C-alpha atoms as a PDB file:
ATOM      1  CA  MET A   1      29.050   7.321 -34.263  1.00  0.00           C
ATOM      2  CA  PRO A   2      25.670   7.290 -32.536  1.00  0.00           C
ATOM      3  CA  LYS A   3      24.959   6.973 -28.775  1.00  0.00           C
ATOM      4  CA  THR A   4      23.780   3.610 -27.564  1.00  0.00           C
ATOM      5  CA  PRO A   5      20.578   5.380 -25.248  1.00  0.00           C
ATOM      6  CA  THR A   6      22.080   3.443 -21.497  1.00  0.00           C
ATOM      7  CA  ASP A   7      18.129   1.890 -21.426  1.00  0.00           C
ATOM      8  CA  ALA A   8      16.943  -0.569 -23.952  1.00  0.00           C
ATOM      9  CA  TYR A   9      13.173   1.166 -24.323  1.00  0.00           C
ATOM     10  CA  SER A  10      12.728   4.800 -24.816  1.00  0.00           C
ATOM     11  CA  TYR A  11       8.770   3.815 -23.214  1.00  0.00           C
ATOM     12  CA  PRO A  12       6.990   1.099 -21.351  1.00  0.00           C
ATOM     13  CA  PRO A  13       7.371  -1.993 -22.551  1.00  0.00           C
ATOM     14  CA  ARG A  14       2.985  -3.341 -23.094  1.00  0.00           C
ATOM     15  CA  GLY A  15       3.827  -6.992 -21.544  1.00  0.00           C
ATOM     16  CA  MET A  16       6.182  -6.795 -18.111  1.00  0.00           C
ATOM     17  CA  ARG A  17       7.988  -9.798 -16.269  1.00  0.00           C
ATOM     18  CA  ARG A  18       6.985  -9.938 -13.004  1.00  0.00           C
ATOM     19  CA  GLU A  19      10.642  -8.180 -11.810  1.00  0.00           C
ATOM     20  CA  GLU A  20       9.861  -5.482 -14.245  1.00  0.00           C
ATOM     21  CA  ALA A  21       6.019  -5.185 -13.209  1.00  0.00           C
ATOM     22  CA  ALA A  22       6.677  -5.466  -9.610  1.00  0.00           C
ATOM     23  CA  ARG A  23       9.821  -2.680  -9.910  1.00  0.00           C
ATOM     24  CA  TYR A  24       7.248  -0.200 -12.363  1.00  0.00           C
ATOM     25  CA  VAL A  25       4.400  -1.020  -9.592  1.00  0.00           C
ATOM     26  CA  GLY A  26       6.853   0.376  -6.556  1.00  0.00           C
ATOM     27  CA  VAL A  27       7.418  -2.654  -4.956  1.00  0.00           C
ATOM     28  CA  SER A  28       8.678  -5.520  -4.140  1.00  0.00           C
ATOM     29  CA  VAL A  29       8.525  -8.731  -5.982  1.00  0.00           C
ATOM     30  CA  THR A  30       7.261 -10.450  -2.658  1.00  0.00           C
ATOM     31  CA  LYS A  31       4.460  -7.853  -2.335  1.00  0.00           C
ATOM     32  CA  PHE A  32       3.043  -7.482  -6.080  1.00  0.00           C
ATOM     33  CA  ASP A  33       2.446 -11.328  -5.323  1.00  0.00           C
ATOM     34  CA  GLN A  34       1.057 -10.276  -2.528  1.00  0.00           C
ATOM     35  CA  MET A  35      -0.619  -8.031  -4.841  1.00  0.00           C
ATOM     36  CA  VAL A  36      -2.425 -10.740  -7.394  1.00  0.00           C
ATOM     37  CA  SER A  37      -2.976 -13.036  -4.928  1.00  0.00           C
ATOM     38  CA  ASP A  38      -5.604 -11.221  -3.406  1.00  0.00           C
ATOM     39  CA  ARG A  39      -7.101 -10.035  -6.956  1.00  0.00           C
ATOM     40  CA  ARG A  40      -5.461  -5.955  -6.286  1.00  0.00           C
ATOM     41  CA  MET A  41      -2.921  -6.610  -9.214  1.00  0.00           C
ATOM     42  CA  PRO A  42      -3.759  -8.976 -12.211  1.00  0.00           C
ATOM     43  CA  ARG A  43      -2.672 -12.005 -13.116  1.00  0.00           C
ATOM     44  CA  PRO A  44       0.280 -12.781 -15.495  1.00  0.00           C
ATOM     45  CA  LYS A  45      -1.039 -13.543 -19.046  1.00  0.00           C
ATOM     46  CA  ARG A  46       1.180 -16.980 -20.822  1.00  0.00           C
ATOM     47  CA  ILE A  47       2.691 -16.415 -24.509  1.00  0.00           C
ATOM     48  CA  ASP A  48       3.466 -19.663 -25.337  1.00  0.00           C
ATOM     49  CA  GLY A  49       6.552 -20.352 -21.969  1.00  0.00           C
ATOM     50  CA  CYS A  50       6.519 -16.997 -21.449  1.00  0.00           C
ATOM     51  CA  VAL A  51       4.967 -15.585 -18.172  1.00  0.00           C
ATOM     52  CA  VAL A  52       3.279 -11.757 -18.678  1.00  0.00           C
ATOM     53  CA  ARG A  53       2.182  -8.671 -16.731  1.00  0.00           C
ATOM     54  CA  ASP A  54       0.127  -6.119 -19.620  1.00  0.00           C
ATOM     55  CA  ARG A  55       1.061  -2.870 -17.753  1.00  0.00           C
ATOM     56  CA  LEU A  56      -2.339  -1.786 -19.406  1.00  0.00           C
ATOM     57  CA  MET A  57      -4.531  -3.944 -16.572  1.00  0.00           C
ATOM     58  CA  ILE A  58      -1.957  -2.742 -14.572  1.00  0.00           C
ATOM     59  CA  ASP A  59      -2.426   0.908 -14.749  1.00  0.00           C
ATOM     60  CA  ALA A  60      -5.730   0.150 -14.071  1.00  0.00           C
ATOM     61  CA  ALA A  61      -6.145  -1.797 -11.064  1.00  0.00           C
ATOM     62  CA  PHE A  62      -3.262   0.919 -10.207  1.00  0.00           C
ATOM     63  CA  SER A  63      -5.804   3.597 -10.290  1.00  0.00           C
ATOM     64  CA  ASP A  64      -8.191   1.375  -8.654  1.00  0.00           C
ATOM     65  CA  LEU A  65      -5.958   0.427  -5.156  1.00  0.00           C
ATOM     66  CA  HIS A  66      -7.105   2.495  -2.589  1.00  0.00           C
ATOM     67  CA  ASP A  67      -5.707   6.436  -1.658  1.00  0.00           C
ATOM     68  CA  GLU A  68      -6.140   7.605   1.647  1.00  0.00           C
ATOM     69  CA  ASN A  69      -5.413  10.588  -0.655  1.00  0.00           C
ATOM     70  CA  HIS A  70      -8.131  10.411  -2.876  1.00  0.00           C
ATOM     71  CA  ASN A  71      -6.076  12.027  -5.766  1.00  0.00           C
ATOM     72  CA  ARG A  72      -8.932  13.637  -7.667  1.00  0.00           C
ATOM     73  CA  ILE A  73      -6.363  12.664 -11.133  1.00  0.00           C
ATOM     74  CA  ASP A  74      -7.049   9.701 -10.789  1.00  0.00           C
ATOM     75  CA  GLU A  75     -11.226   9.802  -9.528  1.00  0.00           C
ATOM     76  CA  LEU A  76     -11.504  12.420 -13.012  1.00  0.00           C
ATOM     77  CA  LEU A  77      -9.538   9.550 -15.107  1.00  0.00           C
ATOM     78  CA  SER A  78     -11.429   6.386 -13.932  1.00  0.00           C
ATOM     79  CA  GLY A  79     -14.748   7.683 -13.659  1.00  0.00           C
ATOM     80  CA  ALA A  80     -15.655   7.959 -10.037  1.00  0.00           C
ATOM     81  CA  ALA A  81     -16.000  11.405  -9.953  1.00  0.00           C
ATOM     82  CA  ASP A  82     -19.210  11.292 -12.533  1.00  0.00           C
ATOM     83  CA  ARG A  83     -20.396   8.604 -10.705  1.00  0.00           C
ATOM     84  CA  ARG A  84     -20.848  10.469  -7.198  1.00  0.00           C
ATOM     85  CA  ALA A  85     -22.427  13.218  -9.243  1.00  0.00           C
ATOM     86  CA  ASN A  86     -24.860  11.265 -10.973  1.00  0.00           C
ATOM     87  CA  ALA A  87     -25.744   8.822  -7.503  1.00  0.00           C
ATOM     88  CA  PHE A  88     -25.737  12.872  -6.431  1.00  0.00           C
ATOM     89  CA  ASP A  89     -28.283  13.773  -8.997  1.00  0.00           C
ATOM     90  CA  ASN A  90     -30.461  10.971  -8.628  1.00  0.00           C
ATOM     91  CA  ALA A  91     -30.763  11.579  -4.693  1.00  0.00           C
ATOM     92  CA  LYS A  92     -31.484  15.218  -5.547  1.00  0.00           C
ATOM     93  CA  LYS A  93     -34.316  14.039  -7.324  1.00  0.00           C
ATOM     94  CA  ARG A  94     -36.582  11.776  -4.407  1.00  0.00           C
END
Protein backbone atom coordinates (compact mmCIF):
# COMPACT_ATOMS: atom_id res chain seq x y z
CA MET A 1 0.00 0.00 0.00
CA PRO A 2 1.47 3.46 -0.91
CA LYS A 3 2.41 5.79 1.90
CA THR A 4 0.34 8.94 2.30
CA PRO A 5 2.50 12.02 2.90
CA THR A 6 1.89 13.87 6.16
CA ASP A 7 1.83 17.19 4.27
CA ALA A 8 -0.68 17.50 1.45
CA TYR A 9 1.74 19.59 -0.63
CA SER A 10 5.27 18.79 -1.70
CA TYR A 11 5.62 22.41 -2.90
CA PRO A 12 4.38 25.73 -1.55
CA PRO A 13 1.00 26.68 -3.04
CA ARG A 14 0.86 29.76 -5.29
CA GLY A 15 -2.07 31.23 -3.38
CA MET A 16 -2.08 31.27 0.40
CA ARG A 17 -4.56 32.26 3.07
CA ARG A 18 -3.54 34.88 5.61
CA GLU A 19 -2.33 32.42 8.27
CA GLU A 20 -0.32 30.41 5.73
CA ALA A 21 1.25 33.58 4.31
CA ALA A 22 2.29 34.77 7.77
CA ARG A 23 3.84 31.38 8.55
CA TYR A 24 5.57 31.35 5.14
CA VAL A 25 7.21 34.71 5.91
CA GLY A 26 7.98 33.61 9.47
CA VAL A 27 5.96 36.16 11.41
CA SER A 28 2.77 36.17 13.45
CA VAL A 29 -0.55 36.90 11.78
CA THR A 30 -0.70 40.22 13.64
CA LYS A 31 2.74 41.25 12.35
CA PHE A 32 1.83 40.10 8.83
CA ASP A 33 -1.35 42.24 8.92
CA GLN A 34 0.74 45.21 10.06
CA MET A 35 3.19 44.63 7.19
CA VAL A 36 0.30 44.53 4.69
CA SER A 37 -1.12 47.70 6.22
CA ASP A 38 2.17 49.59 5.87
CA ARG A 39 2.74 48.13 2.37
CA ARG A 40 5.80 46.01 3.22
CA MET A 41 3.75 42.98 2.13
CA PRO A 42 1.32 42.89 -0.80
CA ARG A 43 -2.43 43.18 -0.46
CA PRO A 44 -4.42 39.99 -1.07
CA LYS A 45 -6.30 39.02 -4.21
CA ARG A 46 -9.95 38.04 -4.23
CA ILE A 47 -10.95 34.90 -6.07
CA ASP A 48 -14.73 34.89 -5.83
CA GLY A 49 -15.25 34.67 -2.06
CA CYS A 50 -11.69 33.62 -1.20
CA VAL A 51 -9.02 36.07 -0.11
CA VAL A 52 -5.56 34.76 -1.04
CA ARG A 53 -2.01 36.04 -1.12
CA ASP A 54 0.24 35.43 -4.11
CA ARG A 55 3.39 33.58 -3.00
CA LEU A 56 5.51 35.17 -5.76
CA MET A 57 4.45 38.67 -4.69
CA ILE A 58 5.25 37.77 -1.08
CA ASP A 59 8.68 36.49 -2.16
CA ALA A 60 9.37 39.76 -4.00
CA ALA A 61 8.20 41.88 -1.05
CA PHE A 62 10.28 39.80 1.34
CA SER A 63 13.37 40.34 -0.82
CA ASP A 64 12.72 44.10 -0.77
CA LEU A 65 12.62 44.27 3.05
CA HIS A 66 15.48 46.25 4.55
CA ASP A 67 18.19 43.97 5.87
CA GLU A 68 20.84 45.37 8.16
CA ASN A 69 23.22 42.59 7.10
CA HIS A 70 22.82 43.17 3.33
CA ASN A 71 22.50 39.63 2.01
CA ARG A 72 24.62 39.62 -1.17
CA ILE A 73 22.59 36.85 -2.83
CA ASP A 74 19.30 38.71 -2.37
CA GLU A 75 21.01 41.87 -3.61
CA LEU A 76 22.18 40.14 -6.79
CA LEU A 77 18.79 38.56 -7.40
CA SER A 78 17.01 41.88 -7.00
CA GLY A 79 19.38 43.67 -9.39
CA ALA A 80 20.49 46.15 -6.72
CA ALA A 81 24.14 45.36 -7.36
CA ASP A 82 23.72 46.18 -11.06
CA ARG A 83 22.01 49.49 -10.27
CA ARG A 84 24.78 50.41 -7.82
CA ALA A 85 27.48 49.46 -10.37
CA ASN A 86 25.75 51.55 -13.06
CA ALA A 87 25.58 54.54 -10.71
CA PHE A 88 29.28 54.10 -9.92
CA ASP A 89 30.16 53.91 -13.63
CA ASN A 90 28.09 57.01 -14.39
CA ALA A 91 29.80 58.91 -11.56
CA LYS A 92 33.25 57.98 -12.93
CA LYS A 93 32.36 59.38 -16.37
CA ARG A 94 31.67 62.84 -14.96
